Amino acid sequence: MKKRELVLVLVSAVIGVMLMHGLSLLSDCEAQPALEPYRVGLCGDVTGPAAGTHAGRSDGFRLYITDLNERGGVNGRKISLIFEDNAGVGARAGASMKKFADAKVHLSALIGPSGIYAPFFEEAKRANIPALILTIGPHETVPPKVERLIYGGADGNAINATKMVVKIVKEQFASKEKTPIWGIVGVDIPVSRKGSEITGAMGEKLGIKTVVKIAPLGTMDYTPIASALMDAGCNIVSTWGPGTLNEGIFKALNKVGYKGVRYINTPDPPEIFVELMKENPSIIYTHPNLIPLWADFPVDREIKAKAEKHGVRINSLIKTGWWYGMVLEEVLKRASWPVTTENLLNILDHLDLGFGPAFPPIKFTPVDHQGLNFQNGWSWNPKEKRFDVVLPWYVSDAAGNEIKVLPQSVGFPKVRFE
């Protein structure tokens, strides 16, 4: 055999072996179908009247799951996320959970106003599906008696959040006024009215004179309320309600020449108030369990980059959804297959997670399905042209029985309650 013919024979043999090996690999791949995915249902408010408060959380949760799947999922399994828009309507939230039950989801998540909780919880209990709550914590998650299927409360709850606000006002603002008079403004919807009235009553018990004003639903001009607060001599003003209320009352206070403390404590994204805060550097913004994206942690930059990549609108509440996406990942990592409700509940009842300085820790127990509530405060620094931390950390247990005050810092502090 000539040398050239020998080379051709060898090349043909090598190619043949490669093709056979390639076909073998392809055959092996075809013989190993993808593992069955985890099924998760997300019921979020993205089109309702309060969507400005809630949509970012849904965006962040979905963004995290998308990114997680791109990284291979959990335990080799992707997450099949079923999304339903509740539009802030209870009947739609209940119908969403029915769809999740039909789809045999392993776990669910709920985002929306507290008025939609009951129908969703009712269907969750009927279907025996655990639920994570990414908004204000319901009483079902607060010690000593908790609902076995309901966990979370990304904004704390009405009890501990209100107690923290009162403590902050007393220690940080009222203590610096000779005669503190605290104006509290709410909107005429049940949760806002009740929250405003309870806050006022708590303030009075601590020796602070309070003036509670409730704006009619749909109020466009808050000037009359601002004038009434001025006439009452208020030198501290805060709100208990949605972002439109905060914007309306603080702009009206500007109009009537108010010079006192302006305190925004809200579940709304801070981006809503950026221009208002720049115009009024005395405004202090706090949000339960959230460090805004303007803190610019490395993970903040990562979240913004991922959001831009996937065309997701950016606001700081994306971080809340991202945070609970990490919680979901850790729960599924610990779950056996096939996933059962009892297995998930056992994991959730003993969950103890830390996520570094950019996110709050999560700790659930059999008698506490919510965990700690953290708050500090931010103001605009016109000289440095940035937002700075201006309050120490206030940290409450879920029941609001104990509130600790920790040194001022940007990142979430490490703290334990006995």
Protein backbone atom coordinates (compact mmCIF):
# COMPACT_ATOMS: atom_id res chain seq x y z
CA MET A 1 0.00 0.00 0.00
CA LYS A 2 1.33 3.37 -0.98
CA LYS A 3 2.05 5.94 1.75
CA ARG A 4 -0.73 8.28 0.55
CA GLU A 5 -3.29 5.45 0.56
CA LEU A 6 -2.19 4.43 4.08
CA VAL A 7 -2.73 7.98 5.37
CA LEU A 8 -6.22 8.10 3.83
CA VAL A 9 -7.10 4.78 5.43
CA LEU A 10 -5.93 5.99 8.85
CA VAL A 11 -7.80 9.30 8.55
CA SER A 12 -10.97 7.48 7.53
CA ALA A 13 -10.62 5.16 10.50
CA VAL A 14 -10.17 8.04 12.94
CA ILE A 15 -13.19 9.90 11.52
CA GLY A 16 -15.23 6.75 11.75
CA VAL A 17 -14.33 6.25 15.41
CA MET A 18 -15.16 9.92 16.14
CA LEU A 19 -18.52 9.65 14.43
CA MET A 20 -19.37 6.46 16.26
CA HIS A 21 -18.34 8.06 19.57
CA GLY A 22 -20.40 11.16 18.78
CA LEU A 23 -23.45 9.11 17.90
CA SER A 24 -22.95 7.12 21.08
CA LEU A 25 -22.87 10.32 23.15
CA LEU A 26 -25.93 11.64 21.33
CA SER A 27 -27.70 8.36 21.98
CA ASP A 28 -26.78 8.55 25.67
CA CYS A 29 -28.14 12.11 25.86
CA GLU A 30 -31.37 11.09 24.21
CA ALA A 31 -31.62 8.19 26.61
CA GLN A 32 -31.46 10.56 29.64
CA PRO A 33 -34.44 12.90 29.59
CA ALA A 34 -34.40 16.04 31.72
CA LEU A 35 -35.36 15.51 35.33
CA GLU A 36 -38.89 16.45 36.31
CA PRO A 37 -38.89 20.10 37.44
CA TYR A 38 -39.91 21.61 40.74
CA ARG A 39 -43.27 23.33 40.32
CA VAL A 40 -43.82 26.70 42.02
CA GLY A 41 -46.80 29.03 41.78
CA LEU A 42 -46.39 32.81 42.12
CA CYS A 43 -49.52 34.92 42.65
CA GLY A 44 -48.48 38.56 42.26
CA ASP A 45 -50.14 41.94 41.93
CA VAL A 46 -48.79 43.58 38.76
CA THR A 47 -51.86 45.40 37.41
CA GLY A 48 -53.93 46.36 40.47
CA PRO A 49 -54.24 49.82 42.08
CA ALA A 50 -51.31 49.03 44.40
CA ALA A 51 -49.12 47.44 41.70
CA GLY A 52 -46.55 50.20 42.19
CA THR A 53 -45.94 48.77 45.66
CA HIS A 54 -45.95 45.12 44.62
CA ALA A 55 -44.88 44.60 41.01
CA GLY A 56 -41.15 44.93 41.70
CA ARG A 57 -41.31 42.02 44.13
CA SER A 58 -42.85 39.77 41.46
CA ASP A 59 -40.25 40.97 38.96
CA GLY A 60 -37.42 40.18 41.36
CA PHE A 61 -38.73 36.71 42.25
CA ARG A 62 -39.21 35.78 38.59
CA LEU A 63 -35.85 37.25 37.68
CA TYR A 64 -34.10 35.15 40.31
CA ILE A 65 -35.82 31.94 39.15
CA THR A 66 -34.93 32.71 35.52
CA ASP A 67 -31.30 33.25 36.49
CA LEU A 68 -31.31 30.13 38.67
CA ASN A 69 -32.62 28.01 35.80
CA GLU A 70 -29.95 29.44 33.51
CA ARG A 71 -27.40 28.24 36.07
CA GLY A 72 -28.82 24.72 35.96
CA GLY A 73 -31.61 24.89 38.53
CA VAL A 74 -31.57 23.12 41.90
CA ASN A 75 -30.27 19.60 42.40
CA GLY A 76 -30.17 19.18 38.63
CA ARG A 77 -33.83 20.13 38.26
CA LYS A 78 -35.23 23.31 36.73
CA ILE A 79 -38.01 25.27 38.39
CA SER A 80 -41.26 25.51 36.47
CA LEU A 81 -42.72 28.81 37.65
CA ILE A 82 -46.43 29.39 37.08
CA PHE A 83 -47.36 33.07 37.38
CA GLU A 84 -50.85 34.47 37.98
CA ASP A 85 -51.70 38.18 38.30
CA ASN A 86 -54.13 38.74 41.17
CA ALA A 87 -54.54 42.49 40.34
CA GLY A 88 -55.02 43.12 44.06
CA VAL A 89 -58.37 41.25 44.06
CA GLY A 90 -59.09 38.54 46.61
CA ALA A 91 -61.24 36.42 44.31
CA ARG A 92 -58.46 36.33 41.74
CA ALA A 93 -55.92 35.36 44.41
CA GLY A 94 -58.14 32.45 45.47
CA ALA A 95 -58.64 31.40 41.84
CA SER A 96 -54.86 31.52 41.32
CA MET A 97 -54.29 29.08 44.15
CA LYS A 98 -56.90 26.74 42.65
CA LYS A 99 -54.92 26.79 39.39
CA PHE A 100 -51.73 26.05 41.32
CA ALA A 101 -53.44 23.10 42.99
CA ASP A 102 -54.58 21.78 39.61
CA ALA A 103 -51.00 22.12 38.37
CA LYS A 104 -49.79 20.21 41.44
CA VAL A 105 -47.28 22.85 42.49
CA HIS A 106 -44.98 21.94 45.34
CA LEU A 107 -44.89 25.42 46.87
CA SER A 108 -46.50 28.84 46.29
CA ALA A 109 -45.71 32.52 46.86
CA LEU A 110 -48.07 35.45 47.33
CA ILE A 111 -47.53 39.17 46.67
CA GLY A 112 -50.27 41.74 47.10
CA PRO A 113 -52.35 43.79 49.56
CA SER A 114 -53.41 42.11 52.79
CA GLY A 115 -57.05 42.14 51.68
CA ILE A 116 -56.37 39.27 49.25
CA TYR A 117 -54.77 36.96 51.79
CA ALA A 118 -57.84 35.15 53.15
CA PRO A 119 -59.10 33.62 49.86
CA PHE A 120 -55.57 32.56 48.93
CA PHE A 121 -54.92 30.99 52.34
CA GLU A 122 -58.26 29.19 52.27
CA GLU A 123 -57.41 27.52 48.97
CA ALA A 124 -53.83 26.82 50.10
CA LYS A 125 -55.15 24.97 53.15
CA ARG A 126 -57.68 23.08 51.03
CA ALA A 127 -54.91 21.97 48.65
CA ASN A 128 -52.29 21.51 51.42
CA ILE A 129 -49.73 23.72 49.63
CA PRO A 130 -47.19 25.82 51.58
CA ALA A 131 -47.12 29.57 50.84
CA LEU A 132 -44.40 32.21 51.18
CA ILE A 133 -45.59 35.81 51.75
CA LEU A 134 -43.49 38.56 50.14
CA THR A 135 -45.48 41.52 51.50
CA ILE A 136 -46.79 42.51 54.96
CA GLY A 137 -46.75 39.55 57.30
CA PRO A 138 -50.17 38.09 58.19
CA HIS A 139 -51.11 37.18 61.76
CA GLU A 140 -50.91 33.53 60.65
CA THR A 141 -47.10 33.79 60.73
CA VAL A 142 -46.75 35.57 64.10
CA PRO A 143 -46.09 33.73 67.39
CA PRO A 144 -47.39 32.11 69.43
CA LYS A 145 -50.02 30.49 67.17
CA VAL A 146 -49.08 30.05 63.52
CA GLU A 147 -50.74 28.47 60.50
CA ARG A 148 -48.77 25.37 59.49
CA LEU A 149 -48.71 26.25 55.75
CA ILE A 150 -48.05 30.03 55.82
CA TYR A 151 -44.54 31.53 56.11
CA GLY A 152 -42.84 34.88 55.67
CA GLY A 153 -43.77 38.51 55.73
CA ALA A 154 -41.15 40.51 53.90
CA ASP A 155 -42.34 43.81 55.42
CA GLY A 156 -42.65 42.63 59.01
CA ASN A 157 -46.20 42.81 60.33
CA ALA A 158 -48.65 45.44 61.51
CA ILE A 159 -47.69 44.94 65.17
CA ASN A 160 -43.89 44.95 65.11
CA ALA A 161 -43.64 47.49 62.28
CA THR A 162 -45.89 49.94 64.14
CA LYS A 163 -44.03 49.50 67.42
CA MET A 164 -40.74 50.16 65.62
CA VAL A 165 -42.08 53.32 63.99
CA VAL A 166 -43.27 54.65 67.35
CA LYS A 167 -39.92 53.86 68.98
CA ILE A 168 -38.02 55.55 66.13
CA VAL A 169 -40.19 58.66 66.34
CA LYS A 170 -39.84 58.87 70.12
CA GLU A 171 -36.07 58.34 70.24
CA GLN A 172 -34.91 59.97 67.03
CA PHE A 173 -37.34 62.86 66.53
CA ALA A 174 -39.56 63.65 69.53
CA SER A 175 -36.62 63.63 71.93
CA LYS A 176 -35.12 66.57 70.00
CA GLU A 177 -38.26 68.73 70.15
CA LYS A 178 -39.23 70.84 73.19
CA THR A 179 -42.92 70.16 72.56
CA PRO A 180 -43.24 67.28 70.08
CA ILE A 181 -46.52 67.06 68.19
CA TRP A 182 -46.70 64.16 65.78
CA GLY A 183 -49.00 64.32 62.77
CA ILE A 184 -49.97 60.94 61.28
CA VAL A 185 -51.75 60.80 57.95
CA GLY A 186 -53.58 57.79 56.53
CA VAL A 187 -56.02 56.98 53.74
CA ASP A 188 -59.61 55.89 54.26
CA ILE A 189 -59.06 52.20 53.62
CA PRO A 190 -59.23 49.73 56.53
CA VAL A 191 -55.54 48.84 56.91
CA SER A 192 -54.34 52.45 56.57
CA ARG A 193 -56.99 53.90 58.88
CA LYS A 194 -56.40 51.24 61.51
CA GLY A 195 -52.63 51.54 61.25
CA SER A 196 -52.77 55.33 61.63
CA GLU A 197 -55.10 55.17 64.62
CA ILE A 198 -53.07 52.47 66.38
CA THR A 199 -49.84 54.39 65.76
CA GLY A 200 -51.40 57.54 67.20
CA ALA A 201 -52.63 55.69 70.28
CA MET A 202 -49.20 54.15 70.87
CA GLY A 203 -47.56 57.55 70.54
CA GLU A 204 -49.95 59.03 73.11
CA LYS A 205 -49.10 56.22 75.56
CA LEU A 206 -45.44 57.22 75.28
CA GLY A 207 -46.25 60.84 76.03
CA ILE A 208 -46.21 62.23 72.50
CA LYS A 209 -49.16 64.35 71.46
CA THR A 210 -50.49 62.97 68.17
CA VAL A 211 -52.79 64.35 65.49
CA VAL A 212 -54.30 61.68 63.19
CA LYS A 213 -55.77 62.74 59.85
CA ILE A 214 -57.46 60.34 57.43
CA ALA A 215 -57.63 61.43 53.78
CA PRO A 216 -60.64 60.34 51.72
CA LEU A 217 -59.81 57.64 49.20
CA GLY A 218 -58.86 59.25 45.88
CA THR A 219 -57.72 62.55 47.42
CA MET A 220 -55.84 64.63 44.83
CA ASP A 221 -55.14 67.79 46.85
CA TYR A 222 -53.65 67.26 50.32
CA THR A 223 -53.28 70.97 51.02
CA PRO A 224 -56.23 71.12 53.48
CA ILE A 225 -54.73 68.27 55.53
CA ALA A 226 -51.26 69.85 55.43
CA SER A 227 -52.75 73.14 56.62
CA ALA A 228 -54.58 71.36 59.45
CA LEU A 229 -51.32 69.75 60.59
CA MET A 230 -49.62 73.16 60.55
CA ASP A 231 -52.48 74.70 62.53
CA ALA A 232 -52.17 71.91 65.11
CA GLY A 233 -48.51 72.77 65.59
CA CYS A 234 -47.14 69.48 64.26
CA ASN A 235 -43.34 69.36 64.05
CA ILE A 236 -43.15 65.67 63.09
CA VAL A 237 -45.20 64.24 60.21
CA SER A 238 -45.35 60.63 59.03
CA THR A 239 -47.78 58.58 56.99
CA TRP A 240 -49.42 55.17 57.16
CA GLY A 241 -50.36 54.34 53.59
CA PRO A 242 -49.34 54.02 49.93
CA GLY A 243 -46.82 56.03 47.92
CA THR A 244 -49.42 58.39 46.48
CA LEU A 245 -50.27 59.49 50.03
CA ASN A 246 -46.60 60.12 50.86
CA GLU A 247 -46.04 62.14 47.71
CA GLY A 248 -49.27 64.09 48.13
CA ILE A 249 -48.89 65.07 51.76
CA PHE A 250 -45.20 65.97 51.64
CA LYS A 251 -45.62 68.11 48.53
CA ALA A 252 -48.55 69.82 50.21
CA LEU A 253 -46.44 70.42 53.34
CA ASN A 254 -43.86 72.14 51.12
CA LYS A 255 -46.62 74.31 49.73
CA VAL A 256 -47.78 75.50 53.17
CA GLY A 257 -44.24 76.13 54.42
CA TYR A 258 -43.78 73.23 56.84
CA LYS A 259 -40.23 73.03 58.29
CA GLY A 260 -40.40 70.07 60.68
CA VAL A 261 -39.43 66.40 60.49
CA ARG A 262 -40.79 64.40 57.54
CA TYR A 263 -40.67 60.67 58.04
CA ILE A 264 -41.52 58.23 55.25
CA ASN A 265 -42.10 54.67 56.46
CA THR A 266 -43.59 52.72 53.60
CA PRO A 267 -43.67 49.43 51.67
CA ASP A 268 -43.27 51.45 48.45
CA PRO A 269 -40.01 51.51 46.47
CA PRO A 270 -37.69 54.39 47.41
CA GLU A 271 -37.32 55.37 43.75
CA ILE A 272 -40.79 56.94 43.99
CA PHE A 273 -39.43 59.48 46.46
CA VAL A 274 -36.00 60.27 45.01
CA GLU A 275 -36.91 63.68 43.60
CA LEU A 276 -38.96 64.55 46.67
CA MET A 277 -36.05 63.62 48.94
CA LYS A 278 -33.58 65.61 46.88
CA GLU A 279 -35.83 68.65 47.15
CA ASN A 280 -36.19 68.07 50.91
CA PRO A 281 -32.98 66.62 52.40
CA SER A 282 -34.64 66.55 55.83
CA ILE A 283 -36.93 63.69 54.71
CA ILE A 284 -35.99 60.37 56.28
CA TYR A 285 -36.99 57.21 54.40
CA THR A 286 -37.31 53.81 56.05
CA HIS A 287 -38.55 50.54 54.61
CA PRO A 288 -38.90 47.25 56.53
CA ASN A 289 -36.25 44.68 55.64
CA LEU A 290 -34.88 46.57 52.64
CA ILE A 291 -31.61 48.31 51.81
CA PRO A 292 -32.26 50.27 48.60
CA LEU A 293 -30.28 49.62 45.43
CA TRP A 294 -28.57 52.98 45.90
CA ALA A 295 -26.39 51.29 48.57
CA ASP A 296 -24.63 49.74 45.55
CA PHE A 297 -23.53 46.43 47.03
CA PRO A 298 -21.94 44.04 44.49
CA VAL A 299 -25.17 42.04 44.46
CA ASP A 300 -27.10 45.25 43.74
CA ARG A 301 -25.01 45.75 40.62
CA GLU A 302 -25.56 42.10 39.68
CA ILE A 303 -29.34 42.44 40.10
CA LYS A 304 -29.44 45.59 37.97
CA ALA A 305 -27.37 43.92 35.26
CA LYS A 306 -29.64 40.85 35.23
CA ALA A 307 -32.72 43.08 35.13
CA GLU A 308 -31.37 45.03 32.17
CA LYS A 309 -30.48 41.77 30.39
CA HIS A 310 -34.04 40.47 30.73
CA GLY A 311 -35.79 43.79 30.19
CA VAL A 312 -37.09 44.03 33.77
CA ARG A 313 -37.93 47.49 35.14
CA ILE A 314 -35.57 48.40 37.93
CA ASN A 315 -36.58 49.50 41.41
CA SER A 316 -35.35 48.46 44.84
CA LEU A 317 -38.24 46.09 45.54
CA ILE A 318 -36.67 43.73 43.02
CA LYS A 319 -34.35 42.94 45.93
CA THR A 320 -37.26 41.65 48.02
CA GLY A 321 -38.25 39.22 45.26
CA TRP A 322 -34.61 38.23 44.75
CA TRP A 323 -34.25 37.64 48.51
CA TYR A 324 -37.20 35.25 48.61
CA GLY A 325 -35.95 33.62 45.42
CA MET A 326 -32.80 32.75 47.38
CA VAL A 327 -34.97 31.44 50.22
CA LEU A 328 -36.86 29.21 47.75
CA GLU A 329 -33.60 27.88 46.33
CA GLU A 330 -32.31 26.94 49.78
CA VAL A 331 -35.57 25.22 50.70
CA LEU A 332 -35.55 23.15 47.50
CA LYS A 333 -31.88 22.24 47.97
CA ARG A 334 -32.83 20.58 51.23
CA ALA A 335 -35.95 18.85 49.88
CA SER A 336 -36.01 15.17 49.01
CA TRP A 337 -37.57 13.87 45.79
CA PRO A 338 -40.40 13.35 45.26
CA VAL A 339 -41.25 16.55 47.09
CA THR A 340 -43.95 16.30 49.75
CA THR A 341 -45.68 19.01 51.75
CA GLU A 342 -44.59 17.49 55.04
CA ASN A 343 -40.98 17.43 53.89
CA LEU A 344 -41.16 21.13 52.92
CA LEU A 345 -42.84 22.10 56.20
CA ASN A 346 -40.16 20.33 58.19
CA ILE A 347 -37.49 22.25 56.26
CA LEU A 348 -39.28 25.59 56.65
CA ASP A 349 -39.84 25.06 60.38
CA HIS A 350 -36.08 24.80 60.90
CA LEU A 351 -34.83 27.27 58.31
CA ASP A 352 -31.93 29.49 59.41
CA LEU A 353 -30.30 31.41 56.56
CA GLY A 354 -27.89 34.31 56.24
CA PHE A 355 -27.34 36.22 52.99
CA GLY A 356 -24.60 38.72 53.87
CA PRO A 357 -25.01 42.46 54.48
CA ALA A 358 -27.32 43.22 51.52
CA PHE A 359 -30.28 41.08 52.70
CA PRO A 360 -31.91 40.25 56.04
CA PRO A 361 -31.40 36.80 57.51
CA ILE A 362 -34.30 34.36 57.55
CA LYS A 363 -35.11 32.19 60.53
CA PHE A 364 -38.34 30.26 60.91
CA THR A 365 -39.28 27.94 63.76
CA PRO A 366 -42.32 25.75 64.48
CA VAL A 367 -43.84 28.67 66.46
CA ASP A 368 -42.47 31.62 64.44
CA HIS A 369 -43.08 31.64 60.70
CA GLN A 370 -41.89 35.20 60.14
CA GLY A 371 -38.62 36.04 61.87
CA LEU A 372 -37.03 39.43 62.54
CA ASN A 373 -37.94 42.87 61.19
CA PHE A 374 -35.12 45.33 60.42
CA GLN A 375 -35.26 49.07 59.78
CA ASN A 376 -32.77 51.89 59.47
CA GLY A 377 -33.18 55.26 57.74
CA TRP A 378 -31.84 57.19 54.74
CA SER A 379 -31.68 60.85 53.68
CA TRP A 380 -30.29 62.73 50.70
CA ASN A 381 -26.85 64.28 51.26
CA PRO A 382 -26.82 67.33 48.94
CA LYS A 383 -23.13 68.03 49.54
CA GLU A 384 -21.97 64.53 48.57
CA LYS A 385 -24.88 64.02 46.15
CA ARG A 386 -25.77 60.60 47.52
CA PHE A 387 -28.15 58.88 49.94
CA ASP A 388 -26.68 58.29 53.39
CA VAL A 389 -27.74 56.20 56.39
CA VAL A 390 -28.93 58.57 59.12
CA LEU A 391 -30.54 56.23 61.68
CA PRO A 392 -29.28 53.27 63.70
CA TRP A 393 -30.73 49.83 63.09
CA TYR A 394 -33.96 48.96 64.84
CA VAL A 395 -34.59 45.21 64.98
CA SER A 396 -37.77 43.60 66.30
CA ASP A 397 -38.82 40.04 66.92
CA ALA A 398 -41.89 38.85 65.04
CA ALA A 399 -44.32 39.49 67.90
CA GLY A 400 -42.96 42.97 68.60
CA ASN A 401 -42.14 42.00 72.20
CA GLU A 402 -38.52 43.13 71.99
CA ILE A 403 -36.85 45.79 69.87
CA LYS A 404 -33.08 46.14 69.81
CA VAL A 405 -31.20 49.25 68.68
CA LEU A 406 -27.88 48.52 66.98
CA PRO A 407 -25.13 50.83 65.65
CA GLN A 408 -25.70 52.74 62.42
CA SER A 409 -24.39 50.93 59.35
CA VAL A 410 -25.30 50.35 55.71
CA GLY A 411 -25.45 46.55 55.80
CA PHE A 412 -27.82 44.39 57.81
CA PRO A 413 -26.35 43.64 61.25
CA LYS A 414 -25.92 40.23 62.80
CA VAL A 415 -28.30 39.85 65.74
CA ARG A 416 -29.93 37.07 67.72
CA PHE A 417 -33.01 37.06 69.92
CA GLU A 418 -33.31 34.42 72.62
